Structure formats: structure tokens, C-alpha cells
C-alpha atoms as a PDB file:
ATOM      1  CA  PRO A   1      -1.636  -3.315   5.726  1.00  0.00           C
ATOM      2  CA  LEU A   2       1.582  -2.418   3.931  1.00  0.00           C
ATOM      3  CA  GLY A   3       0.415   0.801   2.277  1.00  0.00           C
ATOM      4  CA  THR A   4      -0.785   2.176   5.598  1.00  0.00           C
ATOM      5  CA  LEU A   5       2.506   1.226   7.241  1.00  0.00           C
ATOM      6  CA  TYR A   6       4.448   3.203   4.625  1.00  0.00           C
ATOM      7  CA  ALA A   7       2.207   6.216   5.257  1.00  0.00           C
ATOM      8  CA  ALA A   8       2.648   5.873   9.014  1.00  0.00           C
ATOM      9  CA  SER A   9       6.435   5.672   8.808  1.00  0.00           C
ATOM     10  CA  TYR A  10       6.564   8.722   6.536  1.00  0.00           C
ATOM     11  CA  LEU A  11       4.362  10.716   8.929  1.00  0.00           C
ATOM     12  CA  ARG A  12       6.704   9.767  11.757  1.00  0.00           C
ATOM     13  CA  GLU A  13       9.673  10.921   9.712  1.00  0.00           C
ATOM     14  CA  ARG A  14       7.903  14.277   9.410  1.00  0.00           C
ATOM     15  CA  GLY A  15       7.560  14.462  13.201  1.00  0.00           C
ATOM     16  CA  ARG A  16       4.020  13.167  13.725  1.00  0.00           C
ATOM     17  CA  ARG A  17       2.898  10.697  16.395  1.00  0.00           C
ATOM     18  CA  VAL A  18       0.870   7.896  14.807  1.00  0.00           C
ATOM     19  CA  ALA A  19      -1.460   5.177  16.089  1.00  0.00           C
ATOM     20  CA  LEU A  20      -2.661   2.367  13.812  1.00  0.00           C
ATOM     21  CA  PHE A  21      -6.134   0.919  13.458  1.00  0.00           C
ATOM     22  CA  ASP A  22      -5.514  -2.330  11.585  1.00  0.00           C
ATOM     23  CA  ALA A  23      -8.680  -2.922   9.578  1.00  0.00           C
ATOM     24  CA  MET A  24      -7.204  -6.194   8.267  1.00  0.00           C
ATOM     25  CA  LEU A  25      -7.800  -7.774  11.677  1.00  0.00           C
ATOM     26  CA  ALA A  26     -11.019  -5.952  12.637  1.00  0.00           C
ATOM     27  CA  THR A  27     -14.330  -7.797  12.705  1.00  0.00           C
ATOM     28  CA  SER A  28     -16.450  -4.678  12.102  1.00  0.00           C
ATOM     29  CA  VAL A  29     -16.364  -0.900  11.746  1.00  0.00           C
ATOM     30  CA  ALA A  30     -17.398  -0.713  15.409  1.00  0.00           C
ATOM     31  CA  GLU A  31     -13.779  -1.446  16.309  1.00  0.00           C
ATOM     32  CA  TRP A  32     -12.775   1.745  14.454  1.00  0.00           C
ATOM     33  CA  ALA A  33     -15.175   3.741  16.619  1.00  0.00           C
ATOM     34  CA  ALA A  34     -13.669   2.180  19.728  1.00  0.00           C
ATOM     35  CA  ALA A  35     -10.161   3.011  18.502  1.00  0.00           C
ATOM     36  CA  LEU A  36     -11.139   6.654  17.959  1.00  0.00           C
ATOM     37  CA  ASP A  37     -12.426   6.849  21.538  1.00  0.00           C
ATOM     38  CA  ARG A  38      -9.297   5.174  22.872  1.00  0.00           C
ATOM     39  CA  GLU A  39      -6.708   7.197  20.930  1.00  0.00           C
ATOM     40  CA  GLN A  40      -8.617  10.494  20.580  1.00  0.00           C
ATOM     41  CA  PRO A  41      -6.630  11.551  17.495  1.00  0.00           C
ATOM     42  CA  ARG A  42      -6.468  15.100  16.190  1.00  0.00           C
ATOM     43  CA  LEU A  43      -6.682  13.735  12.648  1.00  0.00           C
ATOM     44  CA  ALA A  44      -8.118  10.492  11.230  1.00  0.00           C
ATOM     45  CA  VAL A  45      -6.744   8.963   8.038  1.00  0.00           C
ATOM     46  CA  ILE A  46      -8.505   6.227   6.094  1.00  0.00           C
ATOM     47  CA  TYR A  47      -5.666   4.901   3.981  1.00  0.00           C
ATOM     48  CA  GLU A  48      -6.420   2.107   1.548  1.00  0.00           C
ATOM     49  CA  ASP A  49      -3.750  -0.534   1.036  1.00  0.00           C
ATOM     50  CA  SER A  50      -2.942  -0.163  -2.659  1.00  0.00           C
ATOM     51  CA  PHE A  51      -0.798  -3.305  -2.474  1.00  0.00           C
ATOM     52  CA  ASN A  52      -3.896  -5.398  -1.632  1.00  0.00           C
ATOM     53  CA  TYR A  53      -5.999  -6.582  -4.566  1.00  0.00           C
ATOM     54  CA  LEU A  54      -9.207  -6.772  -2.509  1.00  0.00           C
ATOM     55  CA  SER A  55      -9.155  -3.034  -1.888  1.00  0.00           C
ATOM     56  CA  LYS A  56      -7.375  -2.076  -5.095  1.00  0.00           C
ATOM     57  CA  MET A  57     -10.255  -3.442  -7.162  1.00  0.00           C
ATOM     58  CA  CYS A  58     -12.615  -0.778  -5.715  1.00  0.00           C
ATOM     59  CA  LEU A  59     -15.162  -3.099  -4.117  1.00  0.00           C
ATOM     60  CA  LEU A  60     -18.440  -1.455  -3.092  1.00  0.00           C
ATOM     61  CA  ARG A  61     -18.211  -3.094   0.334  1.00  0.00           C
ATOM     62  CA  MET A  62     -14.913  -1.280   0.945  1.00  0.00           C
ATOM     63  CA  ARG A  63     -16.503   2.027  -0.032  1.00  0.00           C
ATOM     64  CA  GLU A  64     -19.421   1.483   2.343  1.00  0.00           C
ATOM     65  CA  ALA A  65     -17.050   0.683   5.213  1.00  0.00           C
ATOM     66  CA  ALA A  66     -14.935   3.784   4.514  1.00  0.00           C
ATOM     67  CA  LEU A  67     -17.998   6.045   4.445  1.00  0.00           C
ATOM     68  CA  GLU A  68     -19.186   4.608   7.743  1.00  0.00           C
ATOM     69  CA  MET A  69     -15.711   5.195   9.204  1.00  0.00           C
ATOM     70  CA  ILE A  70     -15.908   8.842   8.102  1.00  0.00           C
ATOM     71  CA  ASP A  71     -19.216   9.115   9.964  1.00  0.00           C
ATOM     72  CA  HIS A  72     -17.679   7.838  13.200  1.00  0.00           C
ATOM     73  CA  ALA A  73     -14.768  10.291  12.977  1.00  0.00           C
ATOM     74  CA  ARG A  74     -16.982  13.259  12.152  1.00  0.00           C
ATOM     75  CA  GLN A  75     -19.269  12.424  15.096  1.00  0.00           C
ATOM     76  CA  ARG A  76     -16.184  12.952  17.253  1.00  0.00           C
ATOM     77  CA  SER A  77     -15.277  16.251  15.515  1.00  0.00           C
ATOM     78  CA  CYS A  78     -12.167  14.655  14.045  1.00  0.00           C
ATOM     79  CA  PRO A  79     -11.215  15.787  10.512  1.00  0.00           C
ATOM     80  CA  VAL A  80     -10.735  12.946   8.031  1.00  0.00           C
ATOM     81  CA  ILE A  81      -8.371  12.405   5.109  1.00  0.00           C
ATOM     82  CA  VAL A  82      -9.089   9.569   2.679  1.00  0.00           C
ATOM     83  CA  SER A  83      -6.591   7.924   0.309  1.00  0.00           C
ATOM     84  CA  GLY A  84      -7.208   5.088  -2.116  1.00  0.00           C
ATOM     85  CA  SER A  85      -8.161   3.910  -5.578  1.00  0.00           C
ATOM     86  CA  ASP A  86     -11.922   4.348  -5.284  1.00  0.00           C
ATOM     87  CA  ALA A  87     -11.541   7.695  -3.528  1.00  0.00           C
ATOM     88  CA  THR A  88      -9.242   8.893  -6.318  1.00  0.00           C
ATOM     89  CA  ASP A  89     -11.848   7.850  -8.907  1.00  0.00           C
ATOM     90  CA  HIS A  90     -14.832   9.247  -6.971  1.00  0.00           C
ATOM     91  CA  PRO A  91     -13.662  11.908  -4.510  1.00  0.00           C
ATOM     92  CA  GLU A  92     -17.073  13.570  -4.506  1.00  0.00           C
ATOM     93  CA  LEU A  93     -18.611  10.616  -2.634  1.00  0.00           C
ATOM     94  CA  TYR A  94     -16.134  10.845   0.229  1.00  0.00           C
ATOM     95  CA  LEU A  95     -16.141  14.631   0.411  1.00  0.00           C
ATOM     96  CA  ALA A  96     -19.942  14.712   0.487  1.00  0.00           C
ATOM     97  CA  ARG A  97     -19.832  12.330   3.439  1.00  0.00           C
ATOM     98  CA  GLY A  98     -17.617  14.733   5.359  1.00  0.00           C
ATOM     99  CA  ALA A  99     -13.964  14.046   4.487  1.00  0.00           C
ATOM    100  CA  ALA A 100     -11.810  17.177   4.700  1.00  0.00           C
ATOM    101  CA  ALA A 101      -9.718  16.061   1.734  1.00  0.00           C
ATOM    102  CA  VAL A 102      -9.188  13.146  -0.613  1.00  0.00           C
ATOM    103  CA  ILE A 103      -5.666  12.291  -1.740  1.00  0.00           C
ATOM    104  CA  LEU A 104      -5.456  11.754  -5.492  1.00  0.00           C
ATOM    105  CA  GLY A 105      -2.793   9.196  -6.361  1.00  0.00           C
ATOM    106  CA  GLU A 106       0.327   8.312  -4.387  1.00  0.00           C
ATOM    107  CA  GLY A 107      -0.217   9.223  -0.779  1.00  0.00           C
ATOM    108  CA  GLU A 108       2.729   9.585   1.566  1.00  0.00           C
ATOM    109  CA  ILE A 109       4.020  13.100   0.841  1.00  0.00           C
ATOM    110  CA  THR A 110       0.563  14.532   0.216  1.00  0.00           C
ATOM    111  CA  LEU A 111      -0.685  13.063   3.487  1.00  0.00           C
ATOM    112  CA  ALA A 112       2.159  14.598   5.469  1.00  0.00           C
ATOM    113  CA  ASP A 113       1.597  18.005   3.844  1.00  0.00           C
ATOM    114  CA  LEU A 114      -2.131  17.810   4.570  1.00  0.00           C
ATOM    115  CA  ALA A 115      -1.465  16.877   8.188  1.00  0.00           C
ATOM    116  CA  ASP A 116       0.769  19.917   8.577  1.00  0.00           C
ATOM    117  CA  ARG A 117      -1.937  22.210   7.212  1.00  0.00           C
ATOM    118  CA  LEU A 118      -4.975  20.735   8.951  1.00  0.00           C
ATOM    119  CA  LEU A 119      -3.304  20.444  12.342  1.00  0.00           C
ATOM    120  CA  SER A 120      -2.125  24.048  12.180  1.00  0.00           C
ATOM    121  CA  GLY A 121      -5.464  25.387  10.976  1.00  0.00           C
ATOM    122  CA  ALA A 122      -4.044  26.538   7.634  1.00  0.00           C
ATOM    123  CA  GLY A 123      -5.767  26.248   4.266  1.00  0.00           C
ATOM    124  CA  ILE A 124      -5.254  23.200   2.048  1.00  0.00           C
ATOM    125  CA  ALA A 125      -6.230  24.462  -1.410  1.00  0.00           C
ATOM    126  CA  ASP A 126      -2.628  24.771  -2.616  1.00  0.00           C
ATOM    127  CA  VAL A 127      -1.523  21.307  -1.430  1.00  0.00           C
ATOM    128  CA  PRO A 128      -0.787  19.361  -4.650  1.00  0.00           C
ATOM    129  CA  GLY A 129      -2.552  16.075  -5.271  1.00  0.00           C
ATOM    130  CA  ILE A 130      -5.872  16.502  -3.454  1.00  0.00           C
ATOM    131  CA  ALA A 131      -9.603  17.013  -3.933  1.00  0.00           C
ATOM    132  CA  TYR A 132     -11.570  19.211  -1.535  1.00  0.00           C
ATOM    133  CA  LEU A 133     -14.777  21.225  -1.299  1.00  0.00           C
ATOM    134  CA  ASP A 134     -14.636  24.981  -1.815  1.00  0.00           C
ATOM    135  CA  ALA A 135     -16.792  27.550   0.018  1.00  0.00           C
ATOM    136  CA  ASP A 136     -19.690  26.775  -2.330  1.00  0.00           C
ATOM    137  CA  GLN A 137     -19.390  23.024  -1.667  1.00  0.00           C
ATOM    138  CA  ALA A 138     -18.097  22.374  -5.181  1.00  0.00           C
ATOM    139  CA  VAL A 139     -15.455  19.696  -5.675  1.00  0.00           C
ATOM    140  CA  CYS A 140     -12.075  21.232  -6.516  1.00  0.00           C
ATOM    141  CA  LYS A 141      -8.842  19.500  -7.443  1.00  0.00           C
ATOM    142  CA  SER A 142      -5.399  20.945  -6.818  1.00  0.00           C
ATOM    143  CA  PRO A 143      -2.487  20.515  -9.263  1.00  0.00           C
ATOM    144  CA  VAL A 144      -1.212  16.952  -9.731  1.00  0.00           C
ATOM    145  CA  ARG A 145       1.632  15.932  -7.436  1.00  0.00           C
ATOM    146  CA  PRO A 146       4.643  14.297  -9.121  1.00  0.00           C
ATOM    147  CA  PHE A 147       5.257  10.652  -8.262  1.00  0.00           C
ATOM    148  CA  ILE A 148       8.038   9.637  -5.910  1.00  0.00           C
ATOM    149  CA  ARG A 149      10.939   8.840  -8.208  1.00  0.00           C
ATOM    150  CA  SER A 150      13.336   7.388  -5.664  1.00  0.00           C
ATOM    151  CA  LEU A 151      11.516   4.747  -3.625  1.00  0.00           C
ATOM    152  CA  ASP A 152      14.747   4.136  -1.707  1.00  0.00           C
ATOM    153  CA  ASP A 153      14.202   7.483   0.027  1.00  0.00           C
ATOM    154  CA  LEU A 154      11.082   6.210   1.805  1.00  0.00           C
ATOM    155  CA  PRO A 155      11.550   4.828   5.331  1.00  0.00           C
ATOM    156  CA  PHE A 156      10.797   1.161   5.920  1.00  0.00           C
ATOM    157  CA  PRO A 157       7.141   0.432   6.801  1.00  0.00           C
ATOM    158  CA  ALA A 158       6.201   0.941  10.460  1.00  0.00           C
ATOM    159  CA  TRP A 159       5.808  -2.753  11.308  1.00  0.00           C
ATOM    160  CA  ASP A 160       6.176  -2.006  15.028  1.00  0.00           C
ATOM    161  CA  LEU A 161       2.618  -0.607  14.955  1.00  0.00           C
ATOM    162  CA  VAL A 162       1.233  -3.999  13.891  1.00  0.00           C
ATOM    163  CA  ASP A 163       0.311  -6.923  16.148  1.00  0.00           C
ATOM    164  CA  VAL A 164       2.821  -9.159  14.368  1.00  0.00           C
ATOM    165  CA  ALA A 165       2.361 -11.946  16.923  1.00  0.00           C
ATOM    166  CA  ARG A 166      -1.326 -12.155  16.019  1.00  0.00           C
ATOM    167  CA  TYR A 167      -0.548 -12.282  12.308  1.00  0.00           C
ATOM    168  CA  ARG A 168       2.066 -14.958  12.966  1.00  0.00           C
ATOM    169  CA  ALA A 169      -0.447 -17.079  14.879  1.00  0.00           C
ATOM    170  CA  ILE A 170      -3.074 -16.747  12.142  1.00  0.00           C
ATOM    171  CA  TRP A 171      -0.617 -17.603   9.383  1.00  0.00           C
ATOM    172  CA  ARG A 172       0.785 -20.625  11.151  1.00  0.00           C
ATOM    173  CA  ALA A 173      -2.659 -21.899  12.130  1.00  0.00           C
ATOM    174  CA  HIS A 174      -3.920 -21.732   8.548  1.00  0.00           C
ATOM    175  CA  HIS A 175      -0.779 -22.315   6.474  1.00  0.00           C
ATOM    176  CA  GLY A 176       1.930 -23.690   8.745  1.00  0.00           C
ATOM    177  CA  TYR A 177       4.285 -20.749   8.237  1.00  0.00           C
ATOM    178  CA  HIS A 178       4.414 -16.974   8.831  1.00  0.00           C
ATOM    179  CA  SER A 179       4.613 -14.646   5.810  1.00  0.00           C
ATOM    180  CA  MET A 180       5.236 -10.882   5.760  1.00  0.00           C
ATOM    181  CA  ASN A 181       4.576  -8.447   2.904  1.00  0.00           C
ATOM    182  CA  LEU A 182       7.332  -6.788   0.915  1.00  0.00           C
ATOM    183  CA  ALA A 183       7.128  -4.361  -2.017  1.00  0.00           C
ATOM    184  CA  THR A 184      10.055  -3.888  -4.394  1.00  0.00           C
ATOM    185  CA  THR A 185       8.192  -1.779  -6.984  1.00  0.00           C
ATOM    186  CA  ARG A 186       5.188   0.468  -7.448  1.00  0.00           C
ATOM    187  CA  GLY A 187       2.870   0.461 -10.416  1.00  0.00           C
ATOM    188  CA  CYS A 188       2.868  -1.401 -13.706  1.00  0.00           C
ATOM    189  CA  PRO A 189       3.466  -0.220 -17.288  1.00  0.00           C
ATOM    190  CA  TYR A 190       0.957  -2.638 -18.837  1.00  0.00           C
ATOM    191  CA  HIS A 191      -2.707  -2.070 -19.691  1.00  0.00           C
ATOM    192  CA  CYS A 192      -4.624  -5.143 -18.477  1.00  0.00           C
ATOM    193  CA  ASN A 193      -8.190  -3.876 -18.507  1.00  0.00           C
ATOM    194  CA  TRP A 194      -9.325  -5.690 -15.355  1.00  0.00           C
ATOM    195  CA  CYS A 195      -6.819  -3.897 -13.140  1.00  0.00           C
ATOM    196  CA  ALA A 196      -7.526  -0.662 -11.252  1.00  0.00           C
ATOM    197  CA  LYS A 197      -5.042   2.043 -12.260  1.00  0.00           C
ATOM    198  CA  PRO A 198      -6.073   5.266 -10.467  1.00  0.00           C
ATOM    199  CA  ILE A 199      -3.061   5.442  -8.162  1.00  0.00           C
ATOM    200  CA  TYR A 200      -0.100   4.909 -10.488  1.00  0.00           C
ATOM    201  CA  GLY A 201      -1.606   4.756 -13.965  1.00  0.00           C
ATOM    202  CA  GLN A 202       0.944   3.008 -16.176  1.00  0.00           C
ATOM    203  CA  ARG A 203       3.932   4.315 -14.209  1.00  0.00           C
ATOM    204  CA  TYR A 204       6.495   1.885 -12.836  1.00  0.00           C
ATOM    205  CA  ALA A 205       9.114   2.623 -10.195  1.00  0.00           C
ATOM    206  CA  VAL A 206      11.586   0.115  -8.802  1.00  0.00           C
ATOM    207  CA  ARG A 207      13.659   0.064  -5.626  1.00  0.00           C
ATOM    208  CA  SER A 208      17.352  -0.727  -5.709  1.00  0.00           C
ATOM    209  CA  VAL A 209      18.390  -4.289  -4.956  1.00  0.00           C
ATOM    210  CA  THR A 210      20.400  -3.004  -1.986  1.00  0.00           C
ATOM    211  CA  SER A 211      17.357  -1.312  -0.445  1.00  0.00           C
ATOM    212  CA  VAL A 212      15.199  -4.421  -0.795  1.00  0.00           C
ATOM    213  CA  VAL A 213      17.827  -6.745   0.651  1.00  0.00           C
ATOM    214  CA  ASN A 214      18.420  -4.301   3.524  1.00  0.00           C
ATOM    215  CA  GLU A 215      14.701  -4.442   4.309  1.00  0.00           C
ATOM    216  CA  MET A 216      14.702  -8.236   4.181  1.00  0.00           C
ATOM    217  CA  ALA A 217      17.602  -8.296   6.640  1.00  0.00           C
ATOM    218  CA  TRP A 218      15.798  -5.799   8.900  1.00  0.00           C
ATOM    219  CA  LEU A 219      12.551  -7.787   8.873  1.00  0.00           C
ATOM    220  CA  THR A 220      14.443 -11.009   9.546  1.00  0.00           C
ATOM    221  CA  GLN A 221      16.311  -9.463  12.454  1.00  0.00           C
ATOM    222  CA  HIS A 222      13.217  -7.990  14.113  1.00  0.00           C
ATOM    223  CA  PHE A 223      10.408 -10.392  13.212  1.00  0.00           C
ATOM    224  CA  ALA A 224      11.989 -13.600  11.828  1.00  0.00           C
ATOM    225  CA  PRO A 225       9.304 -14.396   9.224  1.00  0.00           C
ATOM    226  CA  ASP A 226       9.351 -17.827   7.560  1.00  0.00           C
ATOM    227  CA  HIS A 227       8.382 -16.400   4.187  1.00  0.00           C
ATOM    228  CA  PHE A 228       7.953 -13.162   2.202  1.00  0.00           C
ATOM    229  CA  TRP A 229       4.991 -12.317   0.014  1.00  0.00           C
ATOM    230  CA  VAL A 230       6.251  -9.871  -2.623  1.00  0.00           C
ATOM    231  CA  VAL A 231       3.170  -7.805  -3.439  1.00  0.00           C
ATOM    232  CA  ASP A 232       4.408  -6.088  -6.620  1.00  0.00           C
ATOM    233  CA  ASP A 233       2.063  -6.006  -9.601  1.00  0.00           C
ATOM    234  CA  VAL A 234       5.062  -7.152 -11.645  1.00  0.00           C
ATOM    235  CA  PHE A 235       8.194  -8.352  -9.863  1.00  0.00           C
ATOM    236  CA  GLY A 236      11.638  -7.903 -11.379  1.00  0.00           C
ATOM    237  CA  LEU A 237      10.599  -6.211 -14.612  1.00  0.00           C
ATOM    238  CA  LYS A 238      13.830  -4.219 -14.884  1.00  0.00           C
ATOM    239  CA  PRO A 239      16.344  -6.256 -16.937  1.00  0.00           C
ATOM    240  CA  GLY A 240      19.009  -7.844 -14.759  1.00  0.00           C
ATOM    241  CA  TRP A 241      17.275  -6.926 -11.491  1.00  0.00           C
ATOM    242  CA  VAL A 242      16.354 -10.489 -10.491  1.00  0.00           C
ATOM    243  CA  GLU A 243      19.860 -11.781 -11.165  1.00  0.00           C
ATOM    244  CA  GLU A 244      21.431  -8.954  -9.133  1.00  0.00           C
ATOM    245  CA  PHE A 245      18.904  -9.561  -6.369  1.00  0.00           C
ATOM    246  CA  ALA A 246      19.729 -13.281  -6.222  1.00  0.00           C
ATOM    247  CA  ASP A 247      23.447 -12.544  -5.949  1.00  0.00           C
ATOM    248  CA  LEU A 248      23.028 -10.050  -3.091  1.00  0.00           C
ATOM    249  CA  VAL A 249      20.553 -12.246  -1.195  1.00  0.00           C
ATOM    250  CA  ARG A 250      23.086 -15.057  -1.174  1.00  0.00           C
ATOM    251  CA  GLU A 251      25.975 -12.731  -0.345  1.00  0.00           C
ATOM    252  CA  ARG A 252      24.097 -11.207   2.615  1.00  0.00           C
ATOM    253  CA  ARG A 253      22.747 -14.620   3.698  1.00  0.00           C
ATOM    254  CA  VAL A 254      19.152 -13.454   3.926  1.00  0.00           C
ATOM    255  CA  ARG A 255      17.711 -16.087   1.592  1.00  0.00           C
ATOM    256  CA  THR A 256      14.096 -16.614   2.668  1.00  0.00           C
ATOM    257  CA  PRO A 257      11.347 -18.415   0.738  1.00  0.00           C
ATOM    258  CA  PHE A 258       9.090 -15.997  -1.138  1.00  0.00           C
ATOM    259  CA  ARG A 259       6.338 -15.778  -3.710  1.00  0.00           C
ATOM    260  CA  CYS A 260       5.822 -13.092  -6.349  1.00  0.00           C
ATOM    261  CA  LEU A 261       3.820 -12.217  -9.442  1.00  0.00           C
ATOM    262  CA  MET A 262       5.360 -11.958 -12.911  1.00  0.00           C
ATOM    263  CA  ARG A 263       4.479 -12.082 -16.578  1.00  0.00           C
ATOM    264  CA  ALA A 264       5.187 -15.313 -18.424  1.00  0.00           C
ATOM    265  CA  ASP A 265       7.337 -13.511 -21.002  1.00  0.00           C
ATOM    266  CA  GLN A 266       9.658 -12.332 -18.224  1.00  0.00           C
ATOM    267  CA  VAL A 267      10.609 -15.788 -17.020  1.00  0.00           C
ATOM    268  CA  THR A 268      13.471 -16.849 -19.224  1.00  0.00           C
ATOM    269  CA  ALA A 269      15.647 -19.788 -18.248  1.00  0.00           C
ATOM    270  CA  GLU A 270      18.195 -17.397 -16.740  1.00  0.00           C
ATOM    271  CA  VAL A 271      15.545 -15.582 -14.704  1.00  0.00           C
ATOM    272  CA  GLY A 272      14.118 -18.892 -13.518  1.00  0.00           C
ATOM    273  CA  VAL A 273      17.518 -19.985 -12.217  1.00  0.00           C
ATOM    274  CA  ALA A 274      18.010 -16.621 -10.498  1.00  0.00           C
ATOM    275  CA  LEU A 275      14.574 -16.826  -8.875  1.00  0.00           C
ATOM    276  CA  ALA A 276      15.404 -20.241  -7.468  1.00  0.00           C
ATOM    277  CA  HIS A 277      18.763 -19.039  -6.166  1.00  0.00           C
ATOM    278  CA  ALA A 278      17.066 -16.051  -4.493  1.00  0.00           C
ATOM    279  CA  GLY A 279      14.648 -18.332  -2.632  1.00  0.00           C
ATOM    280  CA  CYS A 280      11.520 -18.016  -4.768  1.00  0.00           C
ATOM    281  CA  ARG A 281       9.120 -20.904  -4.161  1.00  0.00           C
ATOM    282  CA  MET A 282       6.185 -19.753  -6.274  1.00  0.00           C
ATOM    283  CA  VAL A 283       5.523 -17.341  -9.129  1.00  0.00           C
ATOM    284  CA  TRP A 284       1.934 -16.368  -9.847  1.00  0.00           C
ATOM    285  CA  MET A 285       1.182 -15.625 -13.497  1.00  0.00           C
ATOM    286  CA  GLY A 286      -2.144 -14.186 -14.538  1.00  0.00           C
ATOM    287  CA  ALA A 287      -3.912 -15.338 -17.677  1.00  0.00           C
ATOM    288  CA  GLU A 288      -6.501 -12.624 -18.170  1.00  0.00           C
ATOM    289  CA  SER A 289      -8.720 -12.865 -21.223  1.00  0.00           C
ATOM    290  CA  GLY A 290     -12.347 -12.508 -22.235  1.00  0.00           C
ATOM    291  CA  ALA A 291     -11.986 -15.527 -24.504  1.00  0.00           C
ATOM    292  CA  GLN A 292     -12.637 -18.895 -22.867  1.00  0.00           C
ATOM    293  CA  LYS A 293     -10.428 -20.718 -25.382  1.00  0.00           C
ATOM    294  CA  ILE A 294      -7.473 -18.579 -24.268  1.00  0.00           C
ATOM    295  CA  LEU A 295      -8.212 -19.297 -20.610  1.00  0.00           C
ATOM    296  CA  ASP A 296      -8.509 -23.009 -21.383  1.00  0.00           C
ATOM    297  CA  ALA A 297      -5.151 -22.944 -23.185  1.00  0.00           C
END
């Protein structure tokens, strides 16, 4: 749950104590209710993983689960914040169910600001980047929050909150190796009409090669994964980034097999060589079209 782990690490950086309910491994929403009873949090956050296509595509099943999770928190008098693609598109549904606020767009900074206000009993109306209900129960939206420009300033995801051993066992049982998620960018500048865009729109931000390689070294040191799954919508779009990445991976000796997603027009011969040198084993390329002859081709 990479998006949630970024949010958790940022909350910690702002001085908050955080417990994780990992919905990826849960068999039902009942486990969320049990976690609320066990942890007794002062604030509950339902934070969609915007790096995961199953949730990013705004599935109705995900909405139903989130609304049921709000119910469980409200039954325990715990205020709820919701963040995600569907909630950004339809905040009124989540607010009507009892959420105190819905984060519109990128979540980390807004979440931390909301936590400060809600836990101190202060008002939230002037927190940028949210939707909330006013005194007349009308949906209000605060001013838009600017996107994070320097992704390198974010702390590494809070992987220590995750049952990594359980993930490792599942991966190796099903695939024969253990993969961990890694994000080098956020967003995508293209306009493919199948893709949900409420979080980043057509914005695209990229981390420095040094930051990414530092994270790979950190993950290798602490968790020793066999493989990385780079979850970017478009990996290595910045000219020269892949070649610089390959050079630093080899220099730092952190070359680990990975897979990523790119556009076909990105993969020149030079980029292909650099990908191989960096350890890339697979590149996924989407062929999205409404025309069957294009898909066949």
C-alpha cells in the first residue's frame, strides 16, 4: 500500500504516531473494525493507494468498502478523513456518510494539516485542498493546494509498518520471488481516456536519480527484496533520466531486477540498453484503443 505508506511517513515527520491497517491483506472490512478496537485511534484515515490501478480506476466495490469503513469509525466516535480518486471526484458521497473531510488531490501535506486541526479541535475550513460540510450541511471546497514540486523532500515510505514477511511469503509462494513497490514519479502528462486523473490531472513530477537509488539501497539493506515493481504511470519520461539511473545503479552496486511501464515511443535503442544495464527485466506497454484493428496490430 505504497500511497498509504508515504502518508504515514509524512505524518510521522510531523510528529504524529501512526498505526497501519493494511487493507491489501485483509479478507473483509470486519478486520478494519477489529483494528479500530485494538488501536483506539483519535483519527481514522482511509487513504486510497493512488499507485494501484485497482483502486485508481474508481471501482464501485472500493467505494462500498470505504463507506462501510466510515460507518465503523463513526460508530466508535472516531473522526474520519478520506483521500483518493473516487473521493476527489465525488466528495459528497463520503461526506454524507459521515467523513469529517475529503482530501482533494495529492494527500500528504493536506492530511497532516487536517490532523493538526482535527486533533486540536480547531476549524478546518481554511485548510487548502479539502471538501467538507458547512453548518447547513452543504458541500464546500477550500482553495486548491499546490502540488508537491520536490518529491525528494518526502520521507521514504514507512515500510516498517507493513508485515513484509507475510508479503514475502505470498510473493514467493505464487511467483518464486519477492517484489517491493517503488515510485520514481507522480502523474502523467498524457490524456489516455481510460485512465483516472483526479489526483494529478496531467501533471508530472519526477524524483532525482540520487533519491531513487538511495531508496533502492535502503530497501535492499532493510528488506532484501528480489525484485522491484516500479509503479509509475510512465517511467523515465524525462530525457536522459534512464541513462543516468543506469549509471548510478551500477556505480552504487544496487542493481536489482525490476519491471516498469513506459510508452513505446520512449524506448529508443539507447534507452533499451540503459534499461538492461539498470536491471530491467520487463517493460509493460499499454495499447489502448477503441478500434479492434489497432489492438490486433
